[in-house]
C-alpha cells in the first residue's frame, strides 16, 4: 500500500504545474503538522520530532522557491511568514507544546486554501500575477515529503 501511495505521489509531482507543486508542498506541511499534533497527544516523541522536522523542511523549500525579484511584497511577506512558522515549529518541538502546532496548522491551511483558489481562478492574468511570487520549486524537491 505504501509503495502505491509513493508511486501516485511521484506521478502527481512529475505532472504538476508550478502552482500545483506549491499546493502539494502546503498539503504535505499541513499533514506533517497534524501528525505531529497527534504524536504529541500520544506521547510519541520521536515521531513528533520527525514530523515537525518534515514540516520545517517543507517550509524551507517554500522559502527558497520564492522569487523576490518578480514577487515583490508578496514574496517578502511569504518569506517572513515562513520564518515565523519555522520559529513556532521549533518552539513546539523544544517545549513539547501543542498551541504553536495548532497555530502553524491554521496558517498553512489558510495558505493552502488560497493557493487552491488561485489554481481554480478563471483569470489567467490573476493566476500569473500571484504565481509570480513563486519560482519553480527547487529541483531537489522530493516527492517523499
Protein backbone atom coordinates (compact mmCIF):
# COMPACT_ATOMS: atom_id res chain seq x y z
CA UNK A 1 0.00 0.00 0.00
CA UNK A 2 2.83 2.40 0.89
CA UNK A 3 4.56 1.79 -2.47
CA UNK A 4 1.32 2.50 -4.31
CA UNK A 5 0.91 5.80 -2.46
CA UNK A 6 4.53 6.74 -3.22
CA UNK A 7 4.05 5.95 -6.93
CA UNK A 8 0.89 8.04 -7.05
CA UNK A 9 2.58 10.95 -5.29
CA UNK A 10 5.62 10.74 -7.56
CA UNK A 11 3.33 10.84 -10.60
CA UNK A 12 1.43 13.80 -9.17
CA UNK A 13 4.66 15.72 -8.56
CA UNK A 14 6.08 14.97 -12.01
CA UNK A 15 2.95 16.22 -13.79
CA UNK A 16 2.07 19.19 -11.57
CA UNK A 17 2.30 22.80 -12.63
CA UNK A 18 4.42 25.16 -10.50
CA UNK A 19 1.28 26.24 -8.62
CA UNK A 20 0.34 22.57 -8.26
CA UNK A 21 3.74 21.84 -6.72
CA UNK A 22 3.24 24.64 -4.22
CA UNK A 23 -0.14 23.17 -3.28
CA UNK A 24 1.49 19.75 -2.81
CA UNK A 25 4.09 21.28 -0.52
CA UNK A 26 1.44 23.03 1.56
CA UNK A 27 -0.59 19.84 1.76
CA UNK A 28 2.49 17.91 2.91
CA UNK A 29 3.27 20.53 5.55
CA UNK A 30 -0.31 20.51 6.86
CA UNK A 31 -0.27 16.71 7.03
CA UNK A 32 3.07 16.74 8.89
CA UNK A 33 1.87 19.27 11.45
CA UNK A 34 -1.35 17.31 12.00
CA UNK A 35 0.70 14.16 12.50
CA UNK A 36 2.99 16.00 14.93
CA UNK A 37 -0.04 17.11 16.94
CA UNK A 38 -1.33 13.53 17.09
CA UNK A 39 2.11 12.28 18.15
CA UNK A 40 2.30 14.92 20.86
CA UNK A 41 -1.03 13.74 22.25
CA UNK A 42 0.01 10.08 22.14
CA UNK A 43 3.44 10.75 23.64
CA UNK A 44 5.41 9.54 20.60
CA UNK A 45 8.37 11.92 21.00
CA UNK A 46 10.50 10.51 18.17
CA UNK A 47 7.76 10.65 15.55
CA UNK A 48 6.56 14.06 16.76
CA UNK A 49 10.05 15.43 16.24
CA UNK A 50 10.32 13.75 12.83
CA UNK A 51 7.03 15.27 11.68
CA UNK A 52 7.99 18.73 12.92
CA UNK A 53 11.30 18.39 11.08
CA UNK A 54 9.44 17.34 7.93
CA UNK A 55 7.15 20.38 8.14
CA UNK A 56 10.21 22.59 8.66
CA UNK A 57 11.94 21.14 5.59
CA UNK A 58 8.86 21.86 3.53
CA UNK A 59 8.74 25.45 4.79
CA UNK A 60 12.40 25.79 3.83
CA UNK A 61 11.59 24.50 0.33
CA UNK A 62 8.75 27.00 0.05
CA UNK A 63 11.04 29.83 1.21
CA UNK A 64 13.81 29.07 -1.28
CA UNK A 65 11.29 28.85 -4.12
CA UNK A 66 10.25 32.48 -3.65
CA UNK A 67 11.19 34.84 -6.46
CA UNK A 68 11.73 38.18 -4.74
CA UNK A 69 12.53 39.96 -8.00
CA UNK A 70 9.14 39.10 -9.52
CA UNK A 71 7.11 38.63 -6.35
CA UNK A 72 7.98 41.87 -4.61
CA UNK A 73 5.92 42.50 -1.49
CA UNK A 74 4.03 39.20 -1.80
CA UNK A 75 7.19 37.10 -1.75
CA UNK A 76 8.71 39.14 1.08
CA UNK A 77 5.56 38.70 3.14
CA UNK A 78 5.57 34.96 2.50
CA UNK A 79 9.24 34.73 3.47
CA UNK A 80 8.51 36.44 6.79
CA UNK A 81 5.54 34.16 7.40
CA UNK A 82 7.57 31.02 6.61
CA UNK A 83 10.28 32.20 9.02
CA UNK A 84 7.68 32.82 11.72
CA UNK A 85 6.17 29.37 11.24
CA UNK A 86 9.65 27.80 11.44
CA UNK A 87 10.21 29.52 14.77
CA UNK A 88 6.84 28.33 16.07
CA UNK A 89 7.61 24.76 15.00
CA UNK A 90 10.94 24.94 16.82
CA UNK A 91 9.18 26.27 19.91
CA UNK A 92 6.61 23.45 19.78
CA UNK A 93 9.35 20.85 19.46
CA UNK A 94 11.55 22.31 22.19
CA UNK A 95 8.78 22.90 24.72
CA UNK A 96 6.69 19.89 23.64
CA UNK A 97 3.60 22.04 23.49
CA UNK A 98 0.58 21.99 21.19
CA UNK A 99 -0.53 25.65 20.71
CA UNK A 100 2.29 26.57 18.30
CA UNK A 101 1.48 23.48 16.21
CA UNK A 102 -2.21 24.44 16.09
CA UNK A 103 -1.27 27.96 15.03
CA UNK A 104 1.06 26.75 12.26
CA UNK A 105 -1.54 24.26 11.04
CA UNK A 106 -4.10 27.07 10.82
CA UNK A 107 -1.73 29.34 8.90
CA UNK A 108 -0.75 26.58 6.49
CA UNK A 109 -4.37 25.60 5.93
CA UNK A 110 -5.29 29.20 5.14
CA UNK A 111 -2.41 29.47 2.67
CA UNK A 112 -3.31 26.14 1.06
CA UNK A 113 -6.91 27.29 0.60
CA UNK A 114 -5.68 30.50 -1.02
CA UNK A 115 -3.44 28.61 -3.46
CA UNK A 116 -6.32 26.26 -4.28
CA UNK A 117 -8.49 29.28 -5.12
CA UNK A 118 -5.67 30.71 -7.24
CA UNK A 119 -5.28 27.48 -9.18
CA UNK A 120 -9.01 27.33 -9.89
CA UNK A 121 -9.28 31.02 -10.81
CA UNK A 122 -10.66 31.63 -14.24
CA UNK A 123 -8.44 34.63 -14.89
CA UNK A 124 -5.07 33.57 -16.23
CA UNK A 125 -3.77 37.09 -15.60
CA UNK A 126 -4.66 36.90 -11.89
CA UNK A 127 -3.15 33.43 -11.70
CA UNK A 128 0.09 34.60 -13.34
CA UNK A 129 0.33 37.70 -11.13
CA UNK A 130 0.12 35.80 -7.85
CA UNK A 131 2.15 32.83 -9.09
CA UNK A 132 4.96 35.27 -9.99
CA UNK A 133 5.77 35.44 -6.29
CA UNK A 134 7.00 31.89 -6.52
CA UNK A 135 9.59 30.48 -8.86
CA UNK A 136 9.65 26.84 -9.85
CA UNK A 137 10.14 24.85 -6.63
CA UNK A 138 13.69 23.74 -6.13
CA UNK A 139 15.00 20.97 -8.37
CA UNK A 140 15.71 18.88 -5.28
CA UNK A 141 12.00 18.75 -4.47
CA UNK A 142 11.35 15.32 -3.11
CA UNK A 143 8.03 13.61 -3.51
CA UNK A 144 8.68 11.82 -0.22
CA UNK A 145 7.72 14.91 1.81
